[in-house]
Amino acid sequence: MSDALSLDALIHALKRLPGVGIKSAQRMAFHLLQHDRNAALVLARTLEQAVHNVRHCERCHTFTEAAVCATCLDAQRDHRKLCVVETPADQAALERTSAYRGLYFVLMGKLSPLDGVGPHDIGLKKLFERALDGSVQEVILATNFTAEGETTAHVISEGLKARGLLVTRLARGVPAGSELEYVDLGTIAHALVDRR
């Protein structure tokens, strides 16, 4: 492979990352090759190692190197609560709040019929088995407030309620510190409906 082809391949590979366009990919590639070749090698080795070693937790489906992740093994967590999220990034965001001490189930996606993503693609069967294992008393739906996230939450909610399980949904409303005149109308409407 010639030098130009190697550089083009690197730029194309970096462009595959979410939110990275051609100019950002070029800047990253040029920086790594011009200023920090050692970091480029570390990045390559680390990425290859992660691809080979990271897998899904057998219980919650998040990323881990062990068969069962540390969160699922933590005896200090509330095993009666199961929070359903779309991605490991969503799980990490909830963990950073330190407000939730239960367990998780990570869907690794959301229902999206237009994209051909159905219940089998996001592991709803495995979620239902986990939620109905006898220890879970409440399932907290923390999918995103997008059309697909709402559809996913609705399908899960209906399926689990039919089996007698308590299902709750994250509240949504006006952000703290905001002024109503600047908040979008959909958020205000949901805040009124979900008021307490």
N, C-alpha and C. Protein backbone atom coordinates (compact mmCIF):
# COMPACT_ATOMS: atom_id res chain seq x y z
N MET A 1 0.84 -1.17 0.00
CA MET A 1 0.00 0.00 0.00
C MET A 1 0.89 1.24 0.00
N SER A 2 0.66 2.19 -0.89
CA SER A 2 1.48 3.39 -0.96
C SER A 2 1.16 4.31 0.21
N ASP A 3 2.03 5.33 0.41
CA ASP A 3 1.83 6.27 1.52
C ASP A 3 0.48 6.95 1.44
N ALA A 4 0.10 7.40 0.25
CA ALA A 4 -1.18 8.09 0.09
C ALA A 4 -2.34 7.15 0.41
N LEU A 5 -2.23 5.91 -0.01
CA LEU A 5 -3.30 4.95 0.28
C LEU A 5 -3.39 4.66 1.77
N SER A 6 -2.27 4.55 2.46
CA SER A 6 -2.28 4.32 3.91
C SER A 6 -2.91 5.49 4.63
N LEU A 7 -2.56 6.70 4.25
CA LEU A 7 -3.12 7.90 4.88
C LEU A 7 -4.62 8.00 4.59
N ASP A 8 -5.01 7.74 3.36
CA ASP A 8 -6.44 7.76 3.02
C ASP A 8 -7.22 6.71 3.80
N ALA A 9 -6.64 5.53 3.97
CA ALA A 9 -7.29 4.46 4.73
C ALA A 9 -7.46 4.87 6.19
N LEU A 10 -6.44 5.53 6.77
CA LEU A 10 -6.53 5.99 8.15
C LEU A 10 -7.62 7.04 8.29
N ILE A 11 -7.66 7.99 7.38
CA ILE A 11 -8.69 9.04 7.42
C ILE A 11 -10.08 8.42 7.29
N HIS A 12 -10.22 7.49 6.36
CA HIS A 12 -11.51 6.83 6.16
C HIS A 12 -11.93 6.05 7.41
N ALA A 13 -10.98 5.39 8.06
CA ALA A 13 -11.28 4.64 9.29
C ALA A 13 -11.72 5.58 10.41
N LEU A 14 -11.03 6.70 10.57
CA LEU A 14 -11.40 7.66 11.61
C LEU A 14 -12.76 8.30 11.33
N LYS A 15 -13.08 8.46 10.07
CA LYS A 15 -14.36 9.07 9.69
C LYS A 15 -15.55 8.19 10.07
N ARG A 16 -15.31 6.94 10.32
CA ARG A 16 -16.39 6.01 10.70
C ARG A 16 -16.88 6.25 12.12
N LEU A 17 -16.10 6.98 12.91
CA LEU A 17 -16.52 7.28 14.28
C LEU A 17 -17.70 8.25 14.26
N PRO A 18 -18.63 8.13 15.21
CA PRO A 18 -19.80 9.02 15.21
C PRO A 18 -19.40 10.48 15.42
N GLY A 19 -19.98 11.35 14.63
CA GLY A 19 -19.73 12.78 14.77
C GLY A 19 -18.43 13.25 14.13
N VAL A 20 -17.71 12.37 13.46
CA VAL A 20 -16.43 12.73 12.86
C VAL A 20 -16.61 12.82 11.35
N GLY A 21 -16.43 14.02 10.83
CA GLY A 21 -16.50 14.23 9.39
C GLY A 21 -15.11 14.13 8.78
N ILE A 22 -15.05 14.41 7.50
CA ILE A 22 -13.78 14.27 6.78
C ILE A 22 -12.71 15.21 7.32
N LYS A 23 -13.06 16.45 7.64
CA LYS A 23 -12.06 17.41 8.12
C LYS A 23 -11.53 17.01 9.50
N SER A 24 -12.43 16.59 10.37
CA SER A 24 -11.98 16.14 11.70
C SER A 24 -11.11 14.90 11.59
N ALA A 25 -11.49 13.99 10.73
CA ALA A 25 -10.70 12.76 10.53
C ALA A 25 -9.31 13.10 10.00
N GLN A 26 -9.23 14.05 9.08
CA GLN A 26 -7.94 14.47 8.55
C GLN A 26 -7.08 15.09 9.65
N ARG A 27 -7.69 15.97 10.46
CA ARG A 27 -6.95 16.60 11.56
C ARG A 27 -6.39 15.57 12.52
N MET A 28 -7.21 14.58 12.86
CA MET A 28 -6.75 13.53 13.78
C MET A 28 -5.60 12.73 13.16
N ALA A 29 -5.79 12.33 11.92
CA ALA A 29 -4.76 11.53 11.25
C ALA A 29 -3.45 12.31 11.15
N PHE A 30 -3.53 13.56 10.71
CA PHE A 30 -2.32 14.38 10.58
C PHE A 30 -1.65 14.60 11.93
N HIS A 31 -2.47 14.84 12.97
CA HIS A 31 -1.89 15.04 14.31
C HIS A 31 -1.14 13.80 14.78
N LEU A 32 -1.80 12.65 14.67
CA LEU A 32 -1.17 11.41 15.13
C LEU A 32 0.11 11.11 14.37
N LEU A 33 0.09 11.30 13.07
CA LEU A 33 1.27 10.97 12.26
C LEU A 33 2.38 12.02 12.38
N GLN A 34 1.98 13.26 12.57
CA GLN A 34 2.99 14.33 12.61
C GLN A 34 3.53 14.58 14.01
N HIS A 35 2.66 14.51 15.02
CA HIS A 35 3.07 14.94 16.35
C HIS A 35 3.12 13.83 17.40
N ASP A 36 2.43 12.72 17.18
CA ASP A 36 2.33 11.74 18.26
C ASP A 36 2.19 10.32 17.72
N ARG A 37 3.20 9.86 17.03
CA ARG A 37 3.17 8.51 16.47
C ARG A 37 3.09 7.44 17.56
N ASN A 38 3.69 7.72 18.72
CA ASN A 38 3.61 6.77 19.82
C ASN A 38 2.16 6.61 20.28
N ALA A 39 1.43 7.72 20.37
CA ALA A 39 0.02 7.65 20.75
C ALA A 39 -0.78 6.88 19.71
N ALA A 40 -0.42 7.02 18.45
CA ALA A 40 -1.10 6.27 17.38
C ALA A 40 -0.91 4.77 17.57
N LEU A 41 0.30 4.37 17.93
CA LEU A 41 0.56 2.95 18.16
C LEU A 41 -0.17 2.44 19.40
N VAL A 42 -0.18 3.25 20.46
CA VAL A 42 -0.91 2.88 21.68
C VAL A 42 -2.40 2.74 21.36
N LEU A 43 -2.94 3.68 20.61
CA LEU A 43 -4.35 3.64 20.23
C LEU A 43 -4.65 2.37 19.42
N ALA A 44 -3.80 2.05 18.47
CA ALA A 44 -4.01 0.86 17.64
C ALA A 44 -3.98 -0.42 18.48
N ARG A 45 -2.99 -0.52 19.36
CA ARG A 45 -2.88 -1.72 20.21
C ARG A 45 -4.06 -1.82 21.17
N THR A 46 -4.42 -0.70 21.78
CA THR A 46 -5.52 -0.70 22.75
C THR A 46 -6.84 -1.04 22.09
N LEU A 47 -7.07 -0.49 20.91
CA LEU A 47 -8.30 -0.78 20.19
C LEU A 47 -8.37 -2.26 19.80
N GLU A 48 -7.27 -2.81 19.33
CA GLU A 48 -7.25 -4.22 18.97
C GLU A 48 -7.49 -5.11 20.20
N GLN A 49 -6.86 -4.73 21.32
CA GLN A 49 -7.04 -5.49 22.55
C GLN A 49 -8.50 -5.44 23.02
N ALA A 50 -9.12 -4.26 22.95
CA ALA A 50 -10.51 -4.12 23.37
C ALA A 50 -11.44 -4.95 22.48
N VAL A 51 -11.19 -4.93 21.19
CA VAL A 51 -12.03 -5.70 20.26
C VAL A 51 -11.96 -7.19 20.58
N HIS A 52 -10.78 -7.68 20.98
CA HIS A 52 -10.62 -9.10 21.27
C HIS A 52 -11.10 -9.48 22.68
N ASN A 53 -11.02 -8.56 23.65
CA ASN A 53 -11.29 -8.91 25.04
C ASN A 53 -12.66 -8.50 25.58
N VAL A 54 -13.24 -7.47 25.03
CA VAL A 54 -14.51 -6.96 25.58
C VAL A 54 -15.67 -7.73 24.96
N ARG A 55 -16.58 -8.15 25.83
CA ARG A 55 -17.77 -8.88 25.39
C ARG A 55 -18.97 -8.39 26.18
N HIS A 56 -20.10 -9.05 26.03
CA HIS A 56 -21.32 -8.67 26.74
C HIS A 56 -21.46 -9.44 28.04
N CYS A 57 -21.88 -8.75 29.08
CA CYS A 57 -22.18 -9.39 30.37
C CYS A 57 -23.33 -10.38 30.15
N GLU A 58 -23.21 -11.55 30.73
CA GLU A 58 -24.23 -12.59 30.59
C GLU A 58 -25.55 -12.21 31.25
N ARG A 59 -25.50 -11.30 32.22
CA ARG A 59 -26.73 -10.92 32.94
C ARG A 59 -27.36 -9.64 32.42
N CYS A 60 -26.54 -8.60 32.21
CA CYS A 60 -27.13 -7.29 31.86
C CYS A 60 -26.82 -6.84 30.44
N HIS A 61 -25.92 -7.52 29.77
CA HIS A 61 -25.61 -7.27 28.37
C HIS A 61 -24.71 -6.06 28.13
N THR A 62 -24.18 -5.44 29.20
CA THR A 62 -23.26 -4.32 29.01
C THR A 62 -21.89 -4.85 28.59
N PHE A 63 -20.95 -3.95 28.37
CA PHE A 63 -19.60 -4.37 28.00
C PHE A 63 -18.80 -4.75 29.25
N THR A 64 -18.04 -5.82 29.14
CA THR A 64 -17.20 -6.29 30.23
C THR A 64 -16.14 -7.23 29.66
N GLU A 65 -15.10 -7.47 30.43
CA GLU A 65 -14.12 -8.47 30.03
C GLU A 65 -14.39 -9.80 30.73
N ALA A 66 -15.22 -9.78 31.75
CA ALA A 66 -15.55 -10.99 32.50
C ALA A 66 -16.89 -11.54 32.00
N ALA A 67 -17.23 -12.74 32.43
CA ALA A 67 -18.51 -13.31 32.03
C ALA A 67 -19.66 -12.48 32.58
N VAL A 68 -19.50 -12.00 33.83
CA VAL A 68 -20.51 -11.15 34.47
C VAL A 68 -19.80 -9.89 34.94
N CYS A 69 -20.41 -8.74 34.66
CA CYS A 69 -19.76 -7.45 34.97
C CYS A 69 -19.74 -7.17 36.49
N ALA A 70 -18.92 -6.22 36.87
CA ALA A 70 -18.76 -5.86 38.28
C ALA A 70 -20.05 -5.32 38.88
N THR A 71 -20.84 -4.60 38.10
CA THR A 71 -22.11 -4.05 38.62
C THR A 71 -23.05 -5.17 39.00
N CYS A 72 -23.19 -6.16 38.14
CA CYS A 72 -24.09 -7.29 38.43
C CYS A 72 -23.61 -8.11 39.63
N LEU A 73 -22.30 -8.15 39.87
CA LEU A 73 -21.74 -8.92 40.99
C LEU A 73 -21.73 -8.15 42.30
N ASP A 74 -22.01 -6.86 42.27
CA ASP A 74 -21.94 -5.99 43.45
C ASP A 74 -23.09 -6.29 44.40
N ALA A 75 -22.78 -6.89 45.54
CA ALA A 75 -23.80 -7.25 46.53
C ALA A 75 -24.44 -6.02 47.18
N GLN A 76 -23.79 -4.87 47.08
CA GLN A 76 -24.31 -3.63 47.69
C GLN A 76 -25.42 -3.00 46.84
N ARG A 77 -25.61 -3.46 45.61
CA ARG A 77 -26.63 -2.88 44.73
C ARG A 77 -27.99 -3.48 45.05
N ASP A 78 -29.04 -2.74 44.74
CA ASP A 78 -30.41 -3.17 44.99
C ASP A 78 -30.85 -4.10 43.85
N HIS A 79 -30.88 -5.38 44.11
CA HIS A 79 -31.21 -6.38 43.10
C HIS A 79 -32.70 -6.43 42.79
N ARG A 80 -33.49 -5.65 43.50
CA ARG A 80 -34.94 -5.60 43.24
C ARG A 80 -35.28 -4.63 42.13
N LYS A 81 -34.33 -3.76 41.76
CA LYS A 81 -34.58 -2.75 40.74
C LYS A 81 -33.72 -3.03 39.51
N LEU A 82 -34.34 -2.93 38.34
CA LEU A 82 -33.66 -3.17 37.08
C LEU A 82 -33.94 -1.99 36.15
N CYS A 83 -32.90 -1.26 35.80
CA CYS A 83 -33.03 -0.09 34.94
C CYS A 83 -32.65 -0.49 33.51
N VAL A 84 -33.54 -0.24 32.56
CA VAL A 84 -33.33 -0.61 31.17
C VAL A 84 -32.86 0.62 30.40
N VAL A 85 -31.68 0.52 29.79
CA VAL A 85 -31.11 1.60 29.00
C VAL A 85 -30.79 1.10 27.59
N GLU A 86 -30.59 2.04 26.67
CA GLU A 86 -30.30 1.66 25.29
C GLU A 86 -28.84 1.27 25.07
N THR A 87 -27.91 1.98 25.71
CA THR A 87 -26.49 1.77 25.42
C THR A 87 -25.65 1.79 26.70
N PRO A 88 -24.42 1.27 26.64
CA PRO A 88 -23.51 1.39 27.78
C PRO A 88 -23.23 2.86 28.13
N ALA A 89 -23.27 3.75 27.15
CA ALA A 89 -23.06 5.18 27.42
C ALA A 89 -24.20 5.73 28.29
N ASP A 90 -25.43 5.27 28.04
CA ASP A 90 -26.56 5.69 28.87
C ASP A 90 -26.39 5.17 30.29
N GLN A 91 -25.94 3.93 30.42
CA GLN A 91 -25.68 3.35 31.74
C GLN A 91 -24.62 4.17 32.48
N ALA A 92 -23.55 4.53 31.78
CA ALA A 92 -22.48 5.32 32.40
C ALA A 92 -23.00 6.68 32.85
N ALA A 93 -23.88 7.29 32.07
CA ALA A 93 -24.45 8.59 32.45
C ALA A 93 -25.27 8.46 33.73
N LEU A 94 -26.08 7.42 33.84
CA LEU A 94 -26.86 7.21 35.07
C LEU A 94 -25.95 6.93 36.26
N GLU A 95 -24.89 6.17 36.04
CA GLU A 95 -23.95 5.87 37.12
C GLU A 95 -23.26 7.13 37.64
N ARG A 96 -22.96 8.06 36.74
CA ARG A 96 -22.29 9.30 37.16
C ARG A 96 -23.15 10.14 38.09
N THR A 97 -24.47 9.97 38.05
CA THR A 97 -25.35 10.75 38.94
C THR A 97 -25.26 10.26 40.38
N SER A 98 -24.86 9.02 40.59
CA SER A 98 -24.84 8.37 41.92
C SER A 98 -26.22 8.35 42.56
N ALA A 99 -27.27 8.51 41.77
CA ALA A 99 -28.64 8.53 42.29
C ALA A 99 -29.31 7.16 42.20
N TYR A 100 -28.74 6.25 41.44
CA TYR A 100 -29.35 4.95 41.23
C TYR A 100 -28.38 3.87 41.69
N ARG A 101 -28.86 2.94 42.52
CA ARG A 101 -28.00 1.88 43.04
C ARG A 101 -28.54 0.48 42.74
N GLY A 102 -29.42 0.39 41.74
CA GLY A 102 -29.94 -0.91 41.33
C GLY A 102 -29.09 -1.53 40.24
N LEU A 103 -29.67 -2.49 39.53
CA LEU A 103 -28.99 -3.17 38.43
C LEU A 103 -29.49 -2.63 37.09
N TYR A 104 -28.87 -3.07 36.02
CA TYR A 104 -29.18 -2.59 34.68
C TYR A 104 -29.43 -3.73 33.73
N PHE A 105 -30.10 -3.37 32.62
CA PHE A 105 -30.11 -4.21 31.43
C PHE A 105 -29.89 -3.26 30.27
N VAL A 106 -28.86 -3.55 29.46
CA VAL A 106 -28.49 -2.70 28.34
C VAL A 106 -28.98 -3.35 27.04
N LEU A 107 -29.88 -2.67 26.35
CA LEU A 107 -30.49 -3.21 25.14
C LEU A 107 -29.52 -3.27 23.95
N MET A 108 -28.54 -2.40 23.94
CA MET A 108 -27.62 -2.26 22.80
C MET A 108 -28.37 -1.81 21.56
N GLY A 109 -29.38 -0.99 21.76
CA GLY A 109 -30.14 -0.45 20.64
C GLY A 109 -31.55 -0.10 21.06
N LYS A 110 -32.39 0.13 20.06
CA LYS A 110 -33.79 0.47 20.28
C LYS A 110 -34.59 -0.05 19.10
N LEU A 111 -35.87 -0.26 19.31
CA LEU A 111 -36.73 -0.71 18.23
C LEU A 111 -36.81 0.37 17.16
N SER A 112 -36.64 -0.03 15.93
CA SER A 112 -36.72 0.91 14.81
C SER A 112 -37.14 0.14 13.57
N PRO A 113 -38.45 -0.05 13.40
CA PRO A 113 -38.93 -0.84 12.26
C PRO A 113 -38.46 -0.30 10.91
N LEU A 114 -38.33 1.02 10.79
CA LEU A 114 -37.88 1.59 9.52
C LEU A 114 -36.45 1.19 9.17
N ASP A 115 -35.65 0.92 10.22
CA ASP A 115 -34.27 0.48 10.01
C ASP A 115 -34.13 -1.03 10.10
N GLY A 116 -35.26 -1.72 10.24
CA GLY A 116 -35.23 -3.18 10.31
C GLY A 116 -34.79 -3.72 11.66
N VAL A 117 -34.89 -2.91 12.72
CA VAL A 117 -34.49 -3.35 14.06
C VAL A 117 -35.74 -3.75 14.83
N GLY A 118 -35.87 -5.04 15.10
CA GLY A 118 -37.04 -5.55 15.81
C GLY A 118 -36.69 -6.07 17.19
N PRO A 119 -37.65 -6.66 17.90
CA PRO A 119 -37.45 -7.15 19.27
C PRO A 119 -36.30 -8.15 19.41
N HIS A 120 -36.09 -8.99 18.42
CA HIS A 120 -35.00 -9.98 18.51
C HIS A 120 -33.63 -9.32 18.39
N ASP A 121 -33.57 -8.20 17.68
CA ASP A 121 -32.29 -7.53 17.44
C ASP A 121 -31.75 -6.84 18.69
N ILE A 122 -32.64 -6.47 19.61
CA ILE A 122 -32.18 -5.79 20.83
C ILE A 122 -32.33 -6.67 22.07
N GLY A 123 -32.63 -7.93 21.87
CA GLY A 123 -32.62 -8.88 22.98
C GLY A 123 -33.75 -8.73 23.98
N LEU A 124 -34.97 -8.42 23.51
CA LEU A 124 -36.08 -8.28 24.44
C LEU A 124 -36.40 -9.58 25.18
N LYS A 125 -36.19 -10.71 24.52
CA LYS A 125 -36.44 -12.01 25.19
C LYS A 125 -35.53 -12.16 26.40
N LYS A 126 -34.25 -11.81 26.23
CA LYS A 126 -33.30 -11.91 27.33
C LYS A 126 -33.66 -10.92 28.45
N LEU A 127 -34.12 -9.73 28.07
CA LEU A 127 -34.56 -8.75 29.07
C LEU A 127 -35.73 -9.30 29.87
N PHE A 128 -36.72 -9.87 29.19
CA PHE A 128 -37.89 -10.39 29.89
C PHE A 128 -37.50 -11.53 30.83
N GLU A 129 -36.59 -12.40 30.39
CA GLU A 129 -36.12 -13.48 31.27
C GLU A 129 -35.45 -12.90 32.51
N ARG A 130 -34.62 -11.89 32.30
CA ARG A 130 -33.91 -11.25 33.43
C ARG A 130 -34.89 -10.56 34.37
N ALA A 131 -35.85 -9.83 33.81
CA ALA A 131 -36.80 -9.08 34.63
C ALA A 131 -37.74 -10.00 35.40
N LEU A 132 -37.99 -11.17 34.88
CA LEU A 132 -38.93 -12.10 35.50
C LEU A 132 -38.23 -13.23 36.25
N ASP A 133 -36.99 -12.97 36.70
CA ASP A 133 -36.21 -14.03 37.37
C ASP A 133 -36.61 -14.25 38.83
N GLY A 134 -37.55 -13.46 39.33
CA GLY A 134 -38.01 -13.64 40.71
C GLY A 134 -37.43 -12.65 41.69
N SER A 135 -36.31 -12.02 41.38
CA SER A 135 -35.72 -11.05 42.32
C SER A 135 -36.09 -9.61 41.97
N VAL A 136 -36.40 -9.35 40.71
CA VAL A 136 -36.73 -7.99 40.28
C VAL A 136 -38.16 -7.65 40.66
N GLN A 137 -38.33 -6.49 41.33
CA GLN A 137 -39.66 -6.02 41.70
C GLN A 137 -40.09 -4.80 40.89
N GLU A 138 -39.13 -4.03 40.39
CA GLU A 138 -39.44 -2.85 39.59
C GLU A 138 -38.49 -2.75 38.41
N VAL A 139 -39.06 -2.49 37.24
CA VAL A 139 -38.27 -2.22 36.04
C VAL A 139 -38.43 -0.74 35.72
N ILE A 140 -37.30 -0.05 35.66
CA ILE A 140 -37.29 1.38 35.36
C ILE A 140 -36.86 1.55 33.91
N LEU A 141 -37.74 2.11 33.10
CA LEU A 141 -37.43 2.30 31.68
C LEU A 141 -36.73 3.64 31.50
N ALA A 142 -35.48 3.57 31.07
CA ALA A 142 -34.67 4.77 30.88
C ALA A 142 -34.19 4.87 29.43
N THR A 143 -35.07 4.47 28.50
CA THR A 143 -34.74 4.65 27.08
C THR A 143 -34.85 6.13 26.76
N ASN A 144 -34.25 6.52 25.65
CA ASN A 144 -34.25 7.93 25.27
C ASN A 144 -35.65 8.40 24.89
N PHE A 145 -35.86 9.70 24.97
CA PHE A 145 -37.16 10.27 24.65
C PHE A 145 -37.25 10.64 23.17
N THR A 146 -36.88 9.68 22.32
CA THR A 146 -37.03 9.81 20.87
C THR A 146 -38.21 8.93 20.48
N ALA A 147 -38.65 9.02 19.23
CA ALA A 147 -39.76 8.18 18.78
C ALA A 147 -39.43 6.70 18.98
N GLU A 148 -38.19 6.31 18.62
CA GLU A 148 -37.78 4.91 18.77
C GLU A 148 -37.67 4.51 20.24
N GLY A 149 -37.12 5.40 21.06
CA GLY A 149 -37.00 5.13 22.49
C GLY A 149 -38.36 4.99 23.16
N GLU A 150 -39.30 5.83 22.76
CA GLU A 150 -40.66 5.76 23.31
C GLU A 150 -41.34 4.46 22.88
N THR A 151 -41.16 4.08 21.62
CA THR A 151 -41.73 2.82 21.13
C THR A 151 -41.15 1.64 21.89
N THR A 152 -39.84 1.66 22.08
CA THR A 152 -39.17 0.59 22.81
C THR A 152 -39.70 0.50 24.24
N ALA A 153 -39.82 1.66 24.90
CA ALA A 153 -40.34 1.69 26.28
C ALA A 153 -41.77 1.17 26.33
N HIS A 154 -42.58 1.54 25.36
CA HIS A 154 -43.97 1.10 25.34
C HIS A 154 -44.07 -0.43 25.20
N VAL A 155 -43.31 -0.99 24.27
CA VAL A 155 -43.35 -2.44 24.05
C VAL A 155 -42.89 -3.18 25.31
N ILE A 156 -41.82 -2.72 25.92
CA ILE A 156 -41.31 -3.36 27.15
C ILE A 156 -42.34 -3.23 28.27
N SER A 157 -42.87 -2.03 28.43
CA SER A 157 -43.85 -1.76 29.49
C SER A 157 -45.07 -2.67 29.36
N GLU A 158 -45.63 -2.74 28.16
CA GLU A 158 -46.81 -3.58 27.96
C GLU A 158 -46.50 -5.05 28.22
N GLY A 159 -45.36 -5.52 27.76
CA GLY A 159 -45.00 -6.92 27.96
C GLY A 159 -44.79 -7.29 29.42
N LEU A 160 -44.15 -6.39 30.18
CA LEU A 160 -43.86 -6.70 31.59
C LEU A 160 -45.07 -6.46 32.49
N LYS A 161 -45.86 -5.45 32.20
CA LYS A 161 -47.07 -5.21 33.00
C LYS A 161 -48.03 -6.38 32.86
N ALA A 162 -48.10 -6.96 31.67
CA ALA A 162 -48.98 -8.10 31.43
C ALA A 162 -48.57 -9.30 32.28
N ARG A 163 -47.32 -9.30 32.72
CA ARG A 163 -46.82 -10.40 33.56
C ARG A 163 -46.79 -10.01 35.04
N GLY A 164 -47.42 -8.88 35.37
CA GLY A 164 -47.59 -8.48 36.77
C GLY A 164 -46.42 -7.74 37.40
N LEU A 165 -45.50 -7.24 36.61
CA LEU A 165 -44.33 -6.55 37.16
C LEU A 165 -44.57 -5.04 37.18
N LEU A 166 -44.07 -4.37 38.21
CA LEU A 166 -44.15 -2.92 38.31
C LEU A 166 -43.17 -2.32 37.30
N VAL A 167 -43.67 -1.46 36.42
CA VAL A 167 -42.84 -0.81 35.41
C VAL A 167 -43.01 0.69 35.53
N THR A 168 -41.88 1.41 35.66
CA THR A 168 -41.92 2.86 35.74
C THR A 168 -41.07 3.44 34.61
N ARG A 169 -41.24 4.73 34.36
CA ARG A 169 -40.51 5.41 33.28
C ARG A 169 -39.83 6.62 33.87
N LEU A 170 -38.62 6.93 33.38
CA LEU A 170 -37.95 8.14 33.83
C LEU A 170 -38.87 9.33 33.62
N ALA A 171 -38.88 10.25 34.57
CA ALA A 171 -39.67 11.47 34.42
C ALA A 171 -38.98 12.39 33.43
N ARG A 172 -39.74 13.25 32.84
CA ARG A 172 -39.17 14.26 31.95
C ARG A 172 -39.87 15.56 32.22
N GLY A 173 -39.17 16.64 31.97
CA GLY A 173 -39.78 17.93 32.22
C GLY A 173 -38.82 19.06 31.97
N VAL A 174 -39.13 20.19 32.57
CA VAL A 174 -38.36 21.41 32.37
C VAL A 174 -37.03 21.29 33.10
N PRO A 175 -35.90 21.51 32.41
CA PRO A 175 -34.59 21.40 33.07
C PRO A 175 -34.43 22.42 34.19
N ALA A 176 -33.74 22.04 35.25
CA ALA A 176 -33.48 22.95 36.36
C ALA A 176 -32.69 24.15 35.87
N GLY A 177 -33.08 25.32 36.32
CA GLY A 177 -32.36 26.54 35.96
C GLY A 177 -32.79 27.16 34.64
N SER A 178 -33.79 26.56 33.98
CA SER A 178 -34.21 27.10 32.68
C SER A 178 -35.37 28.06 32.84
N GLU A 179 -35.57 28.88 31.83
CA GLU A 179 -36.69 29.82 31.80
C GLU A 179 -37.71 29.29 30.80
N LEU A 180 -38.98 29.29 31.19
CA LEU A 180 -40.01 28.67 30.37
C LEU A 180 -40.06 29.21 28.95
N GLU A 181 -39.83 30.50 28.75
CA GLU A 181 -39.95 31.05 27.41
C GLU A 181 -38.92 30.47 26.44
N TYR A 182 -37.86 29.86 26.97
CA TYR A 182 -36.82 29.30 26.11
C TYR A 182 -36.89 27.77 26.00
N VAL A 183 -37.80 27.15 26.72
CA VAL A 183 -37.94 25.70 26.69
C VAL A 183 -38.87 25.32 25.54
N ASP A 184 -38.52 24.24 24.81
CA ASP A 184 -39.36 23.85 23.68
C ASP A 184 -40.74 23.40 24.16
N LEU A 185 -41.73 23.57 23.28
CA LEU A 185 -43.13 23.33 23.65
C LEU A 185 -43.40 21.88 24.02
N GLY A 186 -42.73 20.94 23.36
CA GLY A 186 -42.93 19.53 23.70
C GLY A 186 -42.50 19.23 25.13
N THR A 187 -41.39 19.81 25.56
CA THR A 187 -40.90 19.59 26.92
C THR A 187 -41.88 20.18 27.93
N ILE A 188 -42.39 21.37 27.65
CA ILE A 188 -43.38 21.99 28.56
C ILE A 188 -44.64 21.15 28.63
N ALA A 189 -45.11 20.65 27.48
CA ALA A 189 -46.32 19.83 27.46
C ALA A 189 -46.14 18.55 28.28
N HIS A 190 -44.99 17.89 28.11
CA HIS A 190 -44.73 16.66 28.88
C HIS A 190 -44.60 16.97 30.36
N ALA A 191 -44.01 18.11 30.71
CA ALA A 191 -43.88 18.49 32.11
C ALA A 191 -45.25 18.72 32.74
N LEU A 192 -46.17 19.29 31.99
CA LEU A 192 -47.53 19.49 32.51
C LEU A 192 -48.25 18.16 32.72
N VAL A 193 -48.12 17.26 31.73
CA VAL A 193 -48.78 15.96 31.84
C VAL A 193 -48.18 15.13 32.98
N ASP A 194 -46.86 15.18 33.13
CA ASP A 194 -46.17 14.37 34.13
C ASP A 194 -45.98 15.09 35.46
N ARG A 195 -46.71 16.18 35.69
CA ARG A 195 -46.51 16.95 36.93
C ARG A 195 -46.87 16.10 38.13
N ARG A 196 -46.30 16.46 39.29
CA ARG A 196 -46.61 15.71 40.51
C ARG A 196 -46.92 16.66 41.63
